[in-house]
Amino acid sequence: MPHTPALEIAVQDPAGVRVAGAVGAVRVELAQGLALGGLTPSPATLELCLAVAADAGVEVHVLVRPRAGGFHYDAEELAVTELDVRRAVAAGAHGVVIGALDGAGALDLQAMARLRDAAGGASVTLHRAIDVSADPLVTLAAARSLGLRRVLTSGGASTAAEGIDTLRALVAAAEGEIEIMAGSGVDAASAPALVDTGVDALHFSAKRTVRGDSGVRMGSAADGIGGYEVTDLATAQSVKDALSR
């Protein structure tokens, strides 16, 4: 039988969850601020998305990231992250997506164990912090030792298609003990080649930019106001269709 990876879509709202359900994705990664790489979503967003997901048959995994930028966190940032993990799971999230590195660029084992424990029995995914770590294969081994469920990775490259050789190496090193999910720039064109690496899942945002037209004034007063991104059904379906060809 051909290998068919699971689909995970990065979404920001209930509409995105509906799109994920419509194309048969098994789960969503729920975040806000995807243009910033993703940040922790609001409690209200999570509540509404969980309600939609129950009807759509989709799991909701919450990205817990306290700020944009790198993944080396101070004590207060880790405290915020730990509390957000606990609250997301208590609200009904099926899992959390986390990542923390130490000052040398290695996985911060103490911080990760703390966040893993905060998640209780919920699924824990290491996000693309692995791709900026000192050695993705060493980081994978550390994630595996912590008992994490999966890693989201581009193979250390800007896009998963560019990191395809490292993705193959990660799949081999995982030995079926931890899932490898390819993400970053995944689209209908790159999906078939990524499947051939043996990854367990594909992660993509299927985003489309909507032009902002709520105001008439231009200039400095409009700084930061413009288009916004939504999850596009046709784009998501194109990835699904590429896997069946």
C-alpha atoms as a PDB file:
ATOM      1  CA  MET A   1       0.000   0.000   0.000  1.00  0.00           C
ATOM      2  CA  PRO A   2       1.299   3.511  -0.805  1.00  0.00           C
ATOM      3  CA  HIS A   3       2.333   5.580   2.178  1.00  0.00           C
ATOM      4  CA  THR A   4      -0.163   8.373   2.826  1.00  0.00           C
ATOM      5  CA  PRO A   5       0.870  10.848   5.531  1.00  0.00           C
ATOM      6  CA  ALA A   6      -1.592  12.588   7.799  1.00  0.00           C
ATOM      7  CA  LEU A   7      -2.452  16.204   7.050  1.00  0.00           C
ATOM      8  CA  GLU A   8      -2.171  19.014   9.580  1.00  0.00           C
ATOM      9  CA  ILE A   9      -3.177  22.567   8.712  1.00  0.00           C
ATOM     10  CA  ALA A  10      -1.984  25.663  10.561  1.00  0.00           C
ATOM     11  CA  VAL A  11      -5.050  27.815  11.231  1.00  0.00           C
ATOM     12  CA  GLN A  12      -5.962  30.954  13.147  1.00  0.00           C
ATOM     13  CA  ASP A  13      -9.724  30.763  13.532  1.00  0.00           C
ATOM     14  CA  PRO A  14     -12.856  28.561  13.380  1.00  0.00           C
ATOM     15  CA  ALA A  15     -13.127  29.058   9.615  1.00  0.00           C
ATOM     16  CA  GLY A  16      -9.709  27.470   9.228  1.00  0.00           C
ATOM     17  CA  VAL A  17     -10.826  24.487  11.297  1.00  0.00           C
ATOM     18  CA  ARG A  18     -13.800  24.028   8.955  1.00  0.00           C
ATOM     19  CA  VAL A  19     -11.471  24.012   5.954  1.00  0.00           C
ATOM     20  CA  ALA A  20      -9.286  21.395   7.647  1.00  0.00           C
ATOM     21  CA  GLY A  21     -12.298  19.198   8.253  1.00  0.00           C
ATOM     22  CA  ALA A  22     -13.511  19.623   4.676  1.00  0.00           C
ATOM     23  CA  VAL A  23     -10.245  18.279   3.199  1.00  0.00           C
ATOM     24  CA  GLY A  24      -9.859  15.440   5.685  1.00  0.00           C
ATOM     25  CA  ALA A  25      -7.009  16.815   7.797  1.00  0.00           C
ATOM     26  CA  VAL A  26      -6.611  14.901  11.037  1.00  0.00           C
ATOM     27  CA  ARG A  27      -5.659  17.941  13.077  1.00  0.00           C
ATOM     28  CA  VAL A  28      -4.966  21.639  13.092  1.00  0.00           C
ATOM     29  CA  GLU A  29      -2.224  23.611  14.716  1.00  0.00           C
ATOM     30  CA  LEU A  30      -4.083  26.575  16.183  1.00  0.00           C
ATOM     31  CA  ALA A  31      -2.168  29.826  16.507  1.00  0.00           C
ATOM     32  CA  GLN A  32      -2.510  33.524  16.032  1.00  0.00           C
ATOM     33  CA  GLY A  33      -0.078  35.779  14.212  1.00  0.00           C
ATOM     34  CA  LEU A  34       1.015  33.222  11.620  1.00  0.00           C
ATOM     35  CA  ALA A  35       2.781  36.041   9.794  1.00  0.00           C
ATOM     36  CA  LEU A  36       5.071  36.220  12.855  1.00  0.00           C
ATOM     37  CA  GLY A  37       5.668  32.484  12.826  1.00  0.00           C
ATOM     38  CA  GLY A  38       2.714  31.822  15.119  1.00  0.00           C
ATOM     39  CA  LEU A  39       1.894  32.881  18.678  1.00  0.00           C
ATOM     40  CA  THR A  40      -0.331  31.485  21.422  1.00  0.00           C
ATOM     41  CA  PRO A  41      -4.010  31.939  20.463  1.00  0.00           C
ATOM     42  CA  SER A  42      -6.511  33.611  22.753  1.00  0.00           C
ATOM     43  CA  PRO A  43      -8.716  31.522  25.080  1.00  0.00           C
ATOM     44  CA  ALA A  44     -11.816  32.630  23.172  1.00  0.00           C
ATOM     45  CA  THR A  45     -10.305  31.549  19.862  1.00  0.00           C
ATOM     46  CA  LEU A  46      -9.484  28.142  21.317  1.00  0.00           C
ATOM     47  CA  GLU A  47     -12.960  27.719  22.770  1.00  0.00           C
ATOM     48  CA  LEU A  48     -14.698  28.487  19.492  1.00  0.00           C
ATOM     49  CA  CYS A  49     -12.290  26.367  17.451  1.00  0.00           C
ATOM     50  CA  LEU A  50     -12.794  23.384  19.743  1.00  0.00           C
ATOM     51  CA  ALA A  51     -16.548  23.646  19.235  1.00  0.00           C
ATOM     52  CA  VAL A  52     -16.141  23.649  15.456  1.00  0.00           C
ATOM     53  CA  ALA A  53     -13.540  20.858  15.577  1.00  0.00           C
ATOM     54  CA  ALA A  54     -15.921  18.572  17.450  1.00  0.00           C
ATOM     55  CA  ASP A  55     -18.310  18.688  14.481  1.00  0.00           C
ATOM     56  CA  ALA A  56     -15.540  18.600  11.865  1.00  0.00           C
ATOM     57  CA  GLY A  57     -13.813  15.564  13.332  1.00  0.00           C
ATOM     58  CA  VAL A  58     -10.500  17.387  13.665  1.00  0.00           C
ATOM     59  CA  GLU A  59      -8.054  17.474  16.579  1.00  0.00           C
ATOM     60  CA  VAL A  60      -6.913  20.871  17.851  1.00  0.00           C
ATOM     61  CA  HIS A  61      -3.257  21.194  18.823  1.00  0.00           C
ATOM     62  CA  VAL A  62      -2.359  24.582  20.259  1.00  0.00           C
ATOM     63  CA  LEU A  63       0.854  26.387  19.455  1.00  0.00           C
ATOM     64  CA  VAL A  64       2.162  27.801  22.720  1.00  0.00           C
ATOM     65  CA  ARG A  65       4.737  30.475  21.959  1.00  0.00           C
ATOM     66  CA  PRO A  66       4.923  33.603  24.126  1.00  0.00           C
ATOM     67  CA  ARG A  67       6.572  35.920  21.603  1.00  0.00           C
ATOM     68  CA  ALA A  68       8.073  36.170  18.153  1.00  0.00           C
ATOM     69  CA  GLY A  69      11.793  35.720  17.652  1.00  0.00           C
ATOM     70  CA  GLY A  70      14.094  32.977  18.884  1.00  0.00           C
ATOM     71  CA  PHE A  71      13.339  30.119  21.240  1.00  0.00           C
ATOM     72  CA  HIS A  72      15.697  30.830  24.159  1.00  0.00           C
ATOM     73  CA  TYR A  73      13.345  31.933  26.922  1.00  0.00           C
ATOM     74  CA  ASP A  74      13.898  33.573  30.285  1.00  0.00           C
ATOM     75  CA  ALA A  75      12.214  32.470  33.501  1.00  0.00           C
ATOM     76  CA  GLU A  76       9.161  34.696  33.112  1.00  0.00           C
ATOM     77  CA  GLU A  77       8.597  33.659  29.504  1.00  0.00           C
ATOM     78  CA  LEU A  78       8.763  29.997  30.507  1.00  0.00           C
ATOM     79  CA  ALA A  79       6.313  30.633  33.335  1.00  0.00           C
ATOM     80  CA  VAL A  80       3.862  32.168  30.863  1.00  0.00           C
ATOM     81  CA  THR A  81       4.355  29.266  28.466  1.00  0.00           C
ATOM     82  CA  GLU A  82       3.813  26.661  31.169  1.00  0.00           C
ATOM     83  CA  LEU A  83       0.581  28.307  32.290  1.00  0.00           C
ATOM     84  CA  ASP A  84      -0.650  28.596  28.694  1.00  0.00           C
ATOM     85  CA  VAL A  85       0.060  24.888  28.169  1.00  0.00           C
ATOM     86  CA  ARG A  86      -1.914  23.968  31.266  1.00  0.00           C
ATOM     87  CA  ARG A  87      -4.840  26.189  30.310  1.00  0.00           C
ATOM     88  CA  ALA A  88      -4.955  24.959  26.715  1.00  0.00           C
ATOM     89  CA  VAL A  89      -5.132  21.328  27.820  1.00  0.00           C
ATOM     90  CA  ALA A  90      -7.671  22.125  30.541  1.00  0.00           C
ATOM     91  CA  ALA A  91      -9.835  23.845  27.909  1.00  0.00           C
ATOM     92  CA  GLY A  92      -9.897  20.652  25.849  1.00  0.00           C
ATOM     93  CA  ALA A  93      -6.991  20.923  23.405  1.00  0.00           C
ATOM     94  CA  HIS A  94      -5.856  17.540  22.118  1.00  0.00           C
ATOM     95  CA  GLY A  95      -2.231  18.566  22.245  1.00  0.00           C
ATOM     96  CA  VAL A  96       0.275  21.398  22.389  1.00  0.00           C
ATOM     97  CA  VAL A  97       3.102  22.487  20.112  1.00  0.00           C
ATOM     98  CA  ILE A  98       6.139  23.823  21.965  1.00  0.00           C
ATOM     99  CA  GLY A  99       9.867  24.380  21.719  1.00  0.00           C
ATOM    100  CA  ALA A 100      12.696  25.847  23.797  1.00  0.00           C
ATOM    101  CA  LEU A 101      16.425  26.008  23.139  1.00  0.00           C
ATOM    102  CA  ASP A 102      19.296  26.763  25.479  1.00  0.00           C
ATOM    103  CA  GLY A 103      21.926  29.433  24.922  1.00  0.00           C
ATOM    104  CA  ALA A 104      24.077  27.051  22.883  1.00  0.00           C
ATOM    105  CA  GLY A 105      21.287  26.190  20.476  1.00  0.00           C
ATOM    106  CA  ALA A 106      20.552  22.746  21.887  1.00  0.00           C
ATOM    107  CA  LEU A 107      17.141  21.615  23.040  1.00  0.00           C
ATOM    108  CA  ASP A 108      16.566  22.954  26.566  1.00  0.00           C
ATOM    109  CA  LEU A 109      15.845  19.637  28.257  1.00  0.00           C
ATOM    110  CA  GLN A 110      14.838  21.139  31.588  1.00  0.00           C
ATOM    111  CA  ALA A 111      12.403  23.597  30.021  1.00  0.00           C
ATOM    112  CA  MET A 112      10.977  20.993  27.656  1.00  0.00           C
ATOM    113  CA  ALA A 113      10.443  18.481  30.451  1.00  0.00           C
ATOM    114  CA  ARG A 114       8.641  21.161  32.449  1.00  0.00           C
ATOM    115  CA  LEU A 115       6.338  21.995  29.541  1.00  0.00           C
ATOM    116  CA  ARG A 116       5.787  18.318  28.691  1.00  0.00           C
ATOM    117  CA  ASP A 117       4.735  17.645  32.268  1.00  0.00           C
ATOM    118  CA  ALA A 118       2.406  20.664  32.196  1.00  0.00           C
ATOM    119  CA  ALA A 119       0.613  19.049  29.246  1.00  0.00           C
ATOM    120  CA  GLY A 120      -0.267  15.994  31.328  1.00  0.00           C
ATOM    121  CA  GLY A 121      -1.311  13.201  29.006  1.00  0.00           C
ATOM    122  CA  ALA A 122      -1.930  15.440  25.999  1.00  0.00           C
ATOM    123  CA  SER A 123       0.121  15.020  22.825  1.00  0.00           C
ATOM    124  CA  VAL A 124       3.262  17.170  22.641  1.00  0.00           C
ATOM    125  CA  THR A 125       4.872  18.287  19.388  1.00  0.00           C
ATOM    126  CA  LEU A 126       8.271  19.960  19.125  1.00  0.00           C
ATOM    127  CA  HIS A 127       7.910  22.792  16.628  1.00  0.00           C
ATOM    128  CA  ARG A 128      10.440  24.195  14.186  1.00  0.00           C
ATOM    129  CA  ALA A 129      12.827  25.209  16.937  1.00  0.00           C
ATOM    130  CA  ILE A 130      14.518  22.002  15.775  1.00  0.00           C
ATOM    131  CA  ASP A 131      15.342  23.721  12.482  1.00  0.00           C
ATOM    132  CA  VAL A 132      17.401  26.456  14.124  1.00  0.00           C
ATOM    133  CA  SER A 133      19.001  24.164  16.681  1.00  0.00           C
ATOM    134  CA  ALA A 134      22.702  23.358  16.509  1.00  0.00           C
ATOM    135  CA  ASP A 135      22.100  19.833  15.164  1.00  0.00           C
ATOM    136  CA  PRO A 136      18.608  18.661  14.121  1.00  0.00           C
ATOM    137  CA  LEU A 137      19.510  14.972  14.489  1.00  0.00           C
ATOM    138  CA  VAL A 138      20.785  15.504  18.029  1.00  0.00           C
ATOM    139  CA  THR A 139      17.682  17.562  18.788  1.00  0.00           C
ATOM    140  CA  LEU A 140      15.473  14.769  17.469  1.00  0.00           C
ATOM    141  CA  ALA A 141      17.194  12.278  19.764  1.00  0.00           C
ATOM    142  CA  ALA A 142      16.601  14.612  22.709  1.00  0.00           C
ATOM    143  CA  ALA A 143      12.920  15.013  21.800  1.00  0.00           C
ATOM    144  CA  ARG A 144      12.603  11.257  21.537  1.00  0.00           C
ATOM    145  CA  SER A 145      14.217  10.802  24.971  1.00  0.00           C
ATOM    146  CA  LEU A 146      11.636  13.189  26.423  1.00  0.00           C
ATOM    147  CA  GLY A 147       8.809  11.056  25.063  1.00  0.00           C
ATOM    148  CA  LEU A 148       7.436  13.727  22.729  1.00  0.00           C
ATOM    149  CA  ARG A 149       4.892  12.580  20.171  1.00  0.00           C
ATOM    150  CA  ARG A 150       6.257  14.278  17.042  1.00  0.00           C
ATOM    151  CA  VAL A 151       8.503  16.970  15.609  1.00  0.00           C
ATOM    152  CA  LEU A 152       7.571  19.561  13.011  1.00  0.00           C
ATOM    153  CA  THR A 153      10.545  20.246  10.780  1.00  0.00           C
ATOM    154  CA  SER A 154      11.684  21.576   7.432  1.00  0.00           C
ATOM    155  CA  GLY A 155      14.869  19.559   7.675  1.00  0.00           C
ATOM    156  CA  GLY A 156      16.739  22.644   8.821  1.00  0.00           C
ATOM    157  CA  ALA A 157      16.102  24.512   5.552  1.00  0.00           C
ATOM    158  CA  SER A 158      13.924  27.467   4.623  1.00  0.00           C
ATOM    159  CA  THR A 159      11.395  25.082   3.099  1.00  0.00           C
ATOM    160  CA  ALA A 160      10.749  21.383   3.524  1.00  0.00           C
ATOM    161  CA  ALA A 161      11.483  20.801  -0.167  1.00  0.00           C
ATOM    162  CA  GLU A 162      14.963  22.247   0.314  1.00  0.00           C
ATOM    163  CA  GLY A 163      15.534  20.125   3.424  1.00  0.00           C
ATOM    164  CA  ILE A 164      14.438  16.857   1.864  1.00  0.00           C
ATOM    165  CA  ASP A 165      17.720  15.003   2.455  1.00  0.00           C
ATOM    166  CA  THR A 166      17.726  15.892   6.149  1.00  0.00           C
ATOM    167  CA  LEU A 167      14.068  14.916   6.375  1.00  0.00           C
ATOM    168  CA  ARG A 168      15.002  11.450   5.103  1.00  0.00           C
ATOM    169  CA  ALA A 169      17.738  11.240   7.726  1.00  0.00           C
ATOM    170  CA  LEU A 170      15.337  12.305  10.459  1.00  0.00           C
ATOM    171  CA  VAL A 171      12.788   9.676   9.407  1.00  0.00           C
ATOM    172  CA  ALA A 172      15.484   7.003   9.582  1.00  0.00           C
ATOM    173  CA  ALA A 173      16.735   8.208  12.959  1.00  0.00           C
ATOM    174  CA  ALA A 174      13.222   8.312  14.404  1.00  0.00           C
ATOM    175  CA  GLU A 175      12.909   4.528  13.965  1.00  0.00           C
ATOM    176  CA  GLY A 176       9.151   4.823  14.238  1.00  0.00           C
ATOM    177  CA  GLU A 177       9.420   5.939  17.871  1.00  0.00           C
ATOM    178  CA  ILE A 178       8.585   9.587  17.218  1.00  0.00           C
ATOM    179  CA  GLU A 179       6.651  11.057  14.306  1.00  0.00           C
ATOM    180  CA  ILE A 180       8.314  13.280  11.725  1.00  0.00           C
ATOM    181  CA  MET A 181       6.048  15.962  10.257  1.00  0.00           C
ATOM    182  CA  ALA A 182       7.335  17.992   7.303  1.00  0.00           C
ATOM    183  CA  GLY A 183       6.415  21.659   7.280  1.00  0.00           C
ATOM    184  CA  SER A 184       7.319  25.030   5.707  1.00  0.00           C
ATOM    185  CA  GLY A 185       6.368  25.863   2.162  1.00  0.00           C
ATOM    186  CA  VAL A 186       4.447  22.625   1.666  1.00  0.00           C
ATOM    187  CA  ASP A 187       2.156  22.887  -1.350  1.00  0.00           C
ATOM    188  CA  ALA A 188       0.690  20.738  -4.092  1.00  0.00           C
ATOM    189  CA  ALA A 189       3.937  20.829  -6.064  1.00  0.00           C
ATOM    190  CA  SER A 190       6.217  19.706  -3.227  1.00  0.00           C
ATOM    191  CA  ALA A 191       3.883  17.323  -1.404  1.00  0.00           C
ATOM    192  CA  PRO A 192       4.528  14.155  -3.488  1.00  0.00           C
ATOM    193  CA  ALA A 193       8.320  14.371  -3.083  1.00  0.00           C
ATOM    194  CA  LEU A 194       7.941  14.960   0.645  1.00  0.00           C
ATOM    195  CA  VAL A 195       5.737  11.890   0.934  1.00  0.00           C
ATOM    196  CA  ASP A 196       8.538   9.856  -0.638  1.00  0.00           C
ATOM    197  CA  THR A 197      10.812  10.697   2.313  1.00  0.00           C
ATOM    198  CA  GLY A 198       8.576   8.596   4.547  1.00  0.00           C
ATOM    199  CA  VAL A 199       7.405  11.443   6.801  1.00  0.00           C
ATOM    200  CA  ASP A 200       4.400  10.674   8.966  1.00  0.00           C
ATOM    201  CA  ALA A 201       2.566  13.939   8.276  1.00  0.00           C
ATOM    202  CA  LEU A 202       2.537  17.092   6.186  1.00  0.00           C
ATOM    203  CA  HIS A 203       1.959  20.483   7.810  1.00  0.00           C
ATOM    204  CA  PHE A 204       0.891  23.500   5.773  1.00  0.00           C
ATOM    205  CA  SER A 205      -1.084  26.721   6.144  1.00  0.00           C
ATOM    206  CA  ALA A 206      -2.970  26.889   2.801  1.00  0.00           C
ATOM    207  CA  LYS A 207      -3.169  30.616   3.338  1.00  0.00           C
ATOM    208  CA  ARG A 208      -4.575  33.309   1.113  1.00  0.00           C
ATOM    209  CA  THR A 209      -4.259  37.038   1.693  1.00  0.00           C
ATOM    210  CA  VAL A 210      -7.444  39.069   1.867  1.00  0.00           C
ATOM    211  CA  ARG A 211      -7.119  42.738   1.005  1.00  0.00           C
ATOM    212  CA  GLY A 212      -7.979  45.055   3.871  1.00  0.00           C
ATOM    213  CA  ASP A 213     -10.489  47.687   2.786  1.00  0.00           C
ATOM    214  CA  SER A 214     -12.086  48.877   5.989  1.00  0.00           C
ATOM    215  CA  GLY A 215     -10.626  52.396   5.834  1.00  0.00           C
ATOM    216  CA  VAL A 216     -10.277  55.209   3.321  1.00  0.00           C
ATOM    217  CA  ARG A 217      -7.307  57.143   4.739  1.00  0.00           C
ATOM    218  CA  MET A 218      -3.772  56.318   3.708  1.00  0.00           C
ATOM    219  CA  GLY A 219      -0.396  57.316   5.112  1.00  0.00           C
ATOM    220  CA  SER A 220       1.121  56.960   8.570  1.00  0.00           C
ATOM    221  CA  ALA A 221      -2.242  56.514  10.285  1.00  0.00           C
ATOM    222  CA  ALA A 222      -2.708  53.286   8.297  1.00  0.00           C
ATOM    223  CA  ASP A 223       0.661  51.761   9.251  1.00  0.00           C
ATOM    224  CA  GLY A 224       0.144  48.149  10.248  1.00  0.00           C
ATOM    225  CA  ILE A 225      -3.331  48.025   8.695  1.00  0.00           C
ATOM    226  CA  GLY A 226      -3.701  46.134   5.467  1.00  0.00           C
ATOM    227  CA  GLY A 227      -4.402  42.653   4.211  1.00  0.00           C
ATOM    228  CA  TYR A 228      -4.818  39.608   6.410  1.00  0.00           C
ATOM    229  CA  GLU A 229      -4.435  35.883   5.898  1.00  0.00           C
ATOM    230  CA  VAL A 230      -7.179  33.260   5.842  1.00  0.00           C
ATOM    231  CA  THR A 231      -7.143  29.502   5.294  1.00  0.00           C
ATOM    232  CA  ASP A 232      -8.120  28.847   1.693  1.00  0.00           C
ATOM    233  CA  LEU A 233     -10.208  25.780   0.862  1.00  0.00           C
ATOM    234  CA  ALA A 234      -9.027  25.495  -2.733  1.00  0.00           C
ATOM    235  CA  THR A 235      -5.362  25.657  -1.723  1.00  0.00           C
ATOM    236  CA  ALA A 236      -5.849  23.042   0.977  1.00  0.00           C
ATOM    237  CA  GLN A 237      -7.739  20.781  -1.395  1.00  0.00           C
ATOM    238  CA  SER A 238      -4.963  21.053  -3.969  1.00  0.00           C
ATOM    239  CA  VAL A 239      -2.490  19.544  -1.486  1.00  0.00           C
ATOM    240  CA  LYS A 240      -4.918  16.753  -0.659  1.00  0.00           C
ATOM    241  CA  ASP A 241      -5.478  16.054  -4.359  1.00  0.00           C
ATOM    242  CA  ALA A 242      -1.736  15.968  -5.049  1.00  0.00           C
ATOM    243  CA  LEU A 243      -1.403  13.055  -2.630  1.00  0.00           C
ATOM    244  CA  SER A 244      -4.002  10.991  -4.439  1.00  0.00           C
ATOM    245  CA  ARG A 245      -2.446  11.355  -7.885  1.00  0.00           C
END
